[in-house]
Amino acid sequence: VVNGIVGAAGLAASLATLERGATLALANKETLVIGAALVAAALRRGKGELLPIDSEHSAALQCLLGRPPAEVARLTLTASGGPLRTHPDWRRATPAEVLAHPVWAMGPRITTDSATLFNKGLELIEAQALFGLGWEQLDAVIQPRAVLHAIVTFRDGSLIAQAAHADMRLPIQLALSWPARWGEAVPALPVTALAGLEIETIEHGRFPAFDLALAAGRAGGTAPCVLNAADEVAVQAFLDGAISLGQVPDVLARVLDEHVIEPVDSFDQLRGADAWARAAARRAVLS
C-alpha cells in the first residue's frame, strides 16, 4: 500500500495497512511525526513492514542496509536550503518567493516548510522512529544542489552516502521493489557531478521552526502532533496573507508552550491533541 495522503489524515490509513500485515510504502510524513508510538505497536503486533518513500529516508535505508543502531555514529540528512537560503530577510519573504523552490516541485505547505527548514526537523523525527536511533546520532546539513540525500557515519569511521538526481521516481520505485532493484528509474548521476559539492552547517537560531521541530521530537509524546497541527494552520495563514513568514515560528512556539505533553496511547488521543492545536494556532494567528 502506497500512502501518499497529505497531512495528519494519513495516520489512520497507515495503521490500517500495518494491522493487515501488508507492506506500507510511506509518503505521508505525519504517520511517523505524530504516530510513531502507534506505528511501532502495530508493527510489533502484526507482520506488516514499513518502507520510506521520502527521498532522504530512502537514502538512509540504502546506506544503513539493516545494520544495528549501535554501529551507527551518525545519520545525516541533507536539505537544499530551499528558496530562501540566500534571502536577505527570510522573515519578510512573500509567498511567491517561498514557493519558488530551486530543486523540488512540491505542494505549497511542504515547500513553505522547506523554506523554514521545519520540514527537515520533521524528517529527523521520522528518521528517529524509522531507524531506532538516538537524537545524539541524528544530524542535518544544507547541500544546495540536492545531490547527496543522506550520509551514514559508522562507528569504525566509515562514511556511506547515497547520491542521485533529485527525482522522486527513484525512491518511489525502490519502496515498491525493495530489497530488489528494478531497471533504471532515473538516469544515473555522473560521478563527476560529485565534484565541488557545497555542504553547510545549519546554524542554531537561524531557522527557529527547525529548532522547534527538534525540541518537539526530543520531548516526544504528543508534542510533535501538536507542533505539526499548529504548523498546518500557521503555514496556511501565511499563504493566505494573514501573517508574515516570520510569524509562523512564533505561532508554533506559542502553541507548543501552551501544550501539556502526554505520552501517546491512542489514535483518539492524537485526534484530540491535533484539534486542540489547530484551535490554539488559529487563536494565535488572530491575536
Protein backbone atom coordinates (compact mmCIF):
# COMPACT_ATOMS: atom_id res chain seq x y z
CA VAL A 1 0.00 0.00 0.00
CA VAL A 2 1.41 3.39 -1.01
CA ASN A 3 0.22 6.06 1.41
CA GLY A 4 0.52 9.48 -0.20
CA ILE A 5 -2.25 11.17 1.80
CA VAL A 6 -1.42 14.74 2.81
CA GLY A 7 -1.39 15.67 6.48
CA ALA A 8 -2.42 14.03 9.73
CA ALA A 9 -5.28 12.26 7.97
CA GLY A 10 -2.73 9.76 6.63
CA LEU A 11 -2.11 8.13 10.02
CA ALA A 12 -5.35 6.10 10.04
CA ALA A 13 -4.57 4.57 6.64
CA SER A 14 -1.03 3.67 7.74
CA LEU A 15 -2.24 1.95 10.89
CA ALA A 16 -4.92 0.03 8.96
CA THR A 17 -2.31 -1.13 6.45
CA LEU A 18 0.09 -2.39 9.10
CA GLU A 19 -2.69 -4.09 11.08
CA ARG A 20 -3.49 -6.08 7.92
CA GLY A 21 0.10 -7.28 7.78
CA ALA A 22 0.67 -5.52 4.46
CA THR A 23 3.77 -3.65 3.33
CA LEU A 24 3.39 0.10 3.75
CA ALA A 25 5.32 2.31 1.33
CA LEU A 26 5.11 5.57 3.24
CA ALA A 27 4.99 9.01 1.65
CA ASN A 28 2.87 10.50 4.43
CA LYS A 29 5.18 12.36 6.79
CA GLU A 30 2.69 12.72 9.63
CA THR A 31 2.34 8.97 10.15
CA LEU A 32 5.68 8.90 11.96
CA VAL A 33 5.84 12.51 13.10
CA ILE A 34 2.68 12.22 15.18
CA GLY A 35 2.02 8.50 15.45
CA ALA A 36 5.41 6.78 15.79
CA ALA A 37 4.39 5.04 19.03
CA LEU A 38 1.20 3.64 17.47
CA VAL A 39 3.06 2.57 14.34
CA ALA A 40 5.69 0.75 16.41
CA ALA A 41 2.96 -1.07 18.32
CA ALA A 42 1.22 -2.07 15.07
CA LEU A 43 4.48 -3.42 13.66
CA ARG A 44 5.07 -5.46 16.82
CA ARG A 45 1.56 -6.94 16.67
CA GLY A 46 1.44 -7.86 13.01
CA LYS A 47 3.51 -8.96 10.07
CA GLY A 48 3.46 -5.62 8.32
CA GLU A 49 6.53 -3.83 7.02
CA LEU A 50 7.22 -0.12 6.59
CA LEU A 51 9.38 1.26 3.79
CA PRO A 52 10.00 5.01 3.38
CA ILE A 53 9.36 6.88 0.15
CA ASP A 54 10.73 10.25 1.30
CA SER A 55 13.99 10.75 -0.59
CA GLU A 56 16.16 11.32 2.49
CA HIS A 57 14.81 8.31 4.36
CA SER A 58 15.06 6.12 1.28
CA ALA A 59 18.69 7.22 1.05
CA ALA A 60 19.25 6.41 4.72
CA LEU A 61 17.70 2.97 4.25
CA GLN A 62 20.15 2.27 1.43
CA CYS A 63 23.12 3.48 3.46
CA LEU A 64 22.23 1.62 6.65
CA LEU A 65 21.30 -1.68 4.98
CA GLY A 66 19.88 -3.08 8.20
CA ARG A 67 22.95 -2.50 10.36
CA PRO A 68 22.08 -2.18 14.08
CA PRO A 69 21.85 1.31 15.64
CA ALA A 70 24.81 0.53 17.90
CA GLU A 71 27.09 0.53 14.84
CA VAL A 72 25.93 3.98 13.71
CA ALA A 73 27.78 7.04 14.91
CA ARG A 74 25.63 9.50 12.96
CA LEU A 75 22.93 9.65 10.33
CA THR A 76 23.00 12.97 8.48
CA LEU A 77 20.11 14.08 6.31
CA THR A 78 20.59 16.82 3.74
CA ALA A 79 18.47 19.87 2.97
CA SER A 80 18.73 22.02 -0.12
CA GLY A 81 18.20 25.14 1.97
CA GLY A 82 15.11 25.94 -0.05
CA PRO A 83 14.34 29.16 -1.91
CA LEU A 84 15.33 31.46 0.96
CA ARG A 85 18.86 30.20 1.63
CA THR A 86 20.39 33.48 0.47
CA HIS A 87 17.40 35.74 1.11
CA PRO A 88 18.40 38.96 2.93
CA ASP A 89 15.43 38.77 5.33
CA TRP A 90 13.56 35.46 5.20
CA ARG A 91 11.00 36.65 7.77
CA ARG A 92 9.63 39.12 5.21
CA ALA A 93 9.66 36.76 2.22
CA THR A 94 6.49 36.71 0.15
CA PRO A 95 4.50 33.55 -0.68
CA ALA A 96 5.70 33.84 -4.28
CA GLU A 97 9.34 33.85 -3.13
CA VAL A 98 8.74 30.96 -0.75
CA LEU A 99 7.01 28.76 -3.33
CA ALA A 100 9.82 29.14 -5.89
CA HIS A 101 11.79 26.10 -4.71
CA PRO A 102 15.07 25.78 -6.65
CA VAL A 103 15.14 21.96 -6.77
CA TRP A 104 11.92 20.14 -5.89
CA ALA A 105 8.38 20.59 -7.23
CA MET A 106 6.16 20.09 -4.17
CA GLY A 107 2.88 21.26 -2.66
CA PRO A 108 2.58 24.69 -1.03
CA ARG A 109 2.76 23.54 2.60
CA ILE A 110 5.83 21.34 2.25
CA THR A 111 7.54 23.97 0.08
CA THR A 112 6.94 26.56 2.79
CA ASP A 113 8.17 24.14 5.45
CA SER A 114 11.27 23.54 3.36
CA ALA A 115 11.93 27.28 3.25
CA THR A 116 11.86 27.48 7.07
CA LEU A 117 13.62 24.08 7.41
CA PHE A 118 10.70 22.96 9.57
CA ASN A 119 10.31 20.06 7.14
CA LYS A 120 13.89 18.94 7.84
CA GLY A 121 13.14 18.88 11.56
CA LEU A 122 10.12 16.67 10.90
CA GLU A 123 12.30 14.39 8.78
CA LEU A 124 14.70 13.94 11.69
CA ILE A 125 11.73 12.95 13.89
CA GLU A 126 10.78 10.42 11.20
CA ALA A 127 14.34 9.11 10.99
CA GLN A 128 14.49 8.60 14.73
CA ALA A 129 11.33 6.48 14.55
CA LEU A 130 12.25 4.61 11.37
CA PHE A 131 15.75 3.54 12.32
CA GLY A 132 15.66 3.43 16.12
CA LEU A 133 18.47 5.96 16.50
CA GLY A 134 19.02 8.28 19.45
CA TRP A 135 18.90 12.03 18.98
CA GLU A 136 22.66 12.22 19.51
CA GLN A 137 23.00 10.06 16.36
CA LEU A 138 20.98 12.39 14.12
CA ASP A 139 22.03 15.50 12.23
CA ALA A 140 21.18 17.58 9.18
CA VAL A 141 23.20 19.79 6.85
CA ILE A 142 22.47 22.02 3.88
CA GLN A 143 23.56 20.70 0.49
CA PRO A 144 22.13 23.19 -2.03
CA ARG A 145 22.35 21.07 -5.18
CA ALA A 146 20.39 18.21 -3.57
CA VAL A 147 22.71 15.59 -4.99
CA LEU A 148 23.52 13.90 -1.69
CA HIS A 149 20.42 12.78 0.20
CA ALA A 150 21.80 11.03 3.30
CA ILE A 151 25.16 10.15 4.83
CA VAL A 152 25.77 7.47 7.46
CA THR A 153 28.89 7.57 9.60
CA PHE A 154 29.62 4.22 11.22
CA ARG A 155 31.47 3.80 14.49
CA ASP A 156 34.55 2.47 12.71
CA GLY A 157 34.96 5.77 10.84
CA SER A 158 33.45 4.74 7.50
CA LEU A 159 31.06 7.12 5.75
CA ILE A 160 28.48 5.80 3.29
CA ALA A 161 26.42 8.28 1.27
CA GLN A 162 23.59 7.95 -1.22
CA ALA A 163 23.64 10.26 -4.22
CA ALA A 164 21.18 10.59 -7.09
CA HIS A 165 19.30 13.12 -9.16
CA ALA A 166 16.60 14.95 -7.20
CA ASP A 167 13.79 12.90 -8.69
CA MET A 168 11.11 11.13 -6.65
CA ARG A 169 10.72 8.33 -9.19
CA LEU A 170 13.76 6.61 -7.68
CA PRO A 171 12.63 6.40 -4.02
CA ILE A 172 9.08 5.53 -5.09
CA GLN A 173 10.30 2.65 -7.25
CA LEU A 174 12.72 1.46 -4.58
CA ALA A 175 9.94 1.32 -1.96
CA LEU A 176 7.93 -0.88 -4.36
CA SER A 177 10.83 -3.18 -5.28
CA TRP A 178 12.82 -3.36 -2.01
CA PRO A 179 15.13 -5.16 -1.41
CA ALA A 180 15.41 -5.79 -5.16
CA ARG A 181 16.38 -3.05 -7.58
CA TRP A 182 14.42 -2.86 -10.81
CA GLY A 183 15.52 -1.17 -14.02
CA GLU A 184 16.59 2.43 -14.31
CA ALA A 185 14.11 4.74 -12.58
CA VAL A 186 16.15 7.85 -13.36
CA PRO A 187 19.35 8.42 -15.34
CA ALA A 188 22.42 7.56 -13.31
CA LEU A 189 24.22 10.52 -11.76
CA PRO A 190 27.68 11.00 -13.33
CA VAL A 191 30.44 10.58 -10.77
CA THR A 192 31.81 13.95 -11.87
CA ALA A 193 28.59 15.54 -10.51
CA LEU A 194 30.04 14.96 -7.03
CA ALA A 195 32.91 17.33 -7.68
CA GLY A 196 32.89 20.50 -5.61
CA LEU A 197 29.87 19.67 -3.51
CA GLU A 198 28.92 22.52 -1.19
CA ILE A 199 27.86 21.50 2.32
CA GLU A 200 26.84 23.97 5.03
CA THR A 201 26.01 23.54 8.69
CA ILE A 202 22.58 24.58 9.96
CA GLU A 203 23.29 27.33 12.45
CA HIS A 204 21.35 27.15 15.71
CA GLY A 205 18.84 30.00 15.87
CA ARG A 206 18.99 30.76 12.13
CA PHE A 207 15.89 28.63 11.49
CA PRO A 208 13.64 28.79 14.59
CA ALA A 209 10.99 26.47 13.10
CA PHE A 210 13.69 23.82 12.64
CA ASP A 211 14.80 24.26 16.26
CA LEU A 212 11.18 23.90 17.45
CA ALA A 213 10.73 20.68 15.49
CA LEU A 214 13.85 19.22 17.11
CA ALA A 215 12.64 20.30 20.55
CA ALA A 216 9.27 18.62 19.97
CA GLY A 217 10.97 15.47 18.72
CA ARG A 218 13.17 15.24 21.78
CA ALA A 219 10.20 15.90 24.08
CA GLY A 220 8.21 13.14 22.36
CA GLY A 221 4.70 12.18 23.34
CA THR A 222 2.04 14.47 21.92
CA ALA A 223 4.47 17.35 21.28
CA PRO A 224 5.20 16.50 17.60
CA CYS A 225 1.48 16.04 16.91
CA VAL A 226 0.65 19.43 18.37
CA LEU A 227 3.51 21.18 16.57
CA ASN A 228 2.61 19.61 13.23
CA ALA A 229 -1.04 20.66 13.51
CA ALA A 230 -0.09 24.19 14.52
CA ASP A 231 2.24 24.37 11.52
CA GLU A 232 -0.51 23.39 9.10
CA VAL A 233 -2.65 26.27 10.38
CA ALA A 234 0.19 28.79 10.53
CA VAL A 235 1.52 27.98 7.06
CA GLN A 236 -1.95 28.28 5.53
CA ALA A 237 -2.38 31.63 7.30
CA PHE A 238 0.91 32.78 5.75
CA LEU A 239 -0.11 31.60 2.28
CA ASP A 240 -3.45 33.39 2.71
CA GLY A 241 -1.65 36.62 3.63
CA ALA A 242 -2.91 36.71 7.23
CA ILE A 243 0.56 36.58 8.81
CA SER A 244 4.17 37.01 7.69
CA LEU A 245 6.55 34.10 7.28
CA GLY A 246 8.46 35.34 10.32
CA GLN A 247 5.32 34.90 12.42
CA VAL A 248 4.96 31.21 11.56
CA PRO A 249 7.56 30.02 14.10
CA ASP A 250 6.13 32.48 16.62
CA VAL A 251 2.74 30.75 16.33
CA LEU A 252 4.39 27.33 16.67
CA ALA A 253 6.30 28.37 19.78
CA ARG A 254 3.20 29.79 21.43
CA VAL A 255 1.13 26.64 20.81
CA LEU A 256 3.90 24.32 21.97
CA ASP A 257 4.40 26.40 25.14
CA GLU A 258 0.68 26.15 25.95
CA HIS A 259 0.53 22.39 25.46
CA VAL A 260 0.84 19.89 28.31
CA ILE A 261 2.74 16.96 26.76
CA GLU A 262 1.34 13.47 27.35
CA PRO A 263 2.58 10.00 26.37
CA VAL A 264 0.84 8.71 23.24
CA ASP A 265 -1.55 5.86 23.96
CA SER A 266 -4.32 6.00 21.35
CA PHE A 267 -5.41 7.32 17.98
CA ASP A 268 -8.31 9.19 19.57
CA GLN A 269 -5.90 10.97 21.91
CA LEU A 270 -3.87 12.18 18.92
CA ARG A 271 -7.01 13.38 17.15
CA GLY A 272 -7.90 15.37 20.25
CA ALA A 273 -4.40 16.87 20.50
CA ASP A 274 -4.47 17.71 16.80
CA ALA A 275 -7.84 19.50 17.13
CA TRP A 276 -6.68 21.40 20.22
CA ALA A 277 -3.50 22.55 18.49
CA ARG A 278 -5.35 23.77 15.40
CA ALA A 279 -7.71 25.83 17.55
CA ALA A 280 -4.80 27.21 19.58
CA ALA A 281 -2.92 28.09 16.39
CA ARG A 282 -5.95 29.90 14.95
CA ARG A 283 -6.19 31.94 18.14
CA ALA A 284 -2.51 32.77 17.92
CA VAL A 285 -2.86 33.86 14.28
CA LEU A 286 -5.71 36.21 15.17
CA SER A 287 -4.06 37.71 18.25
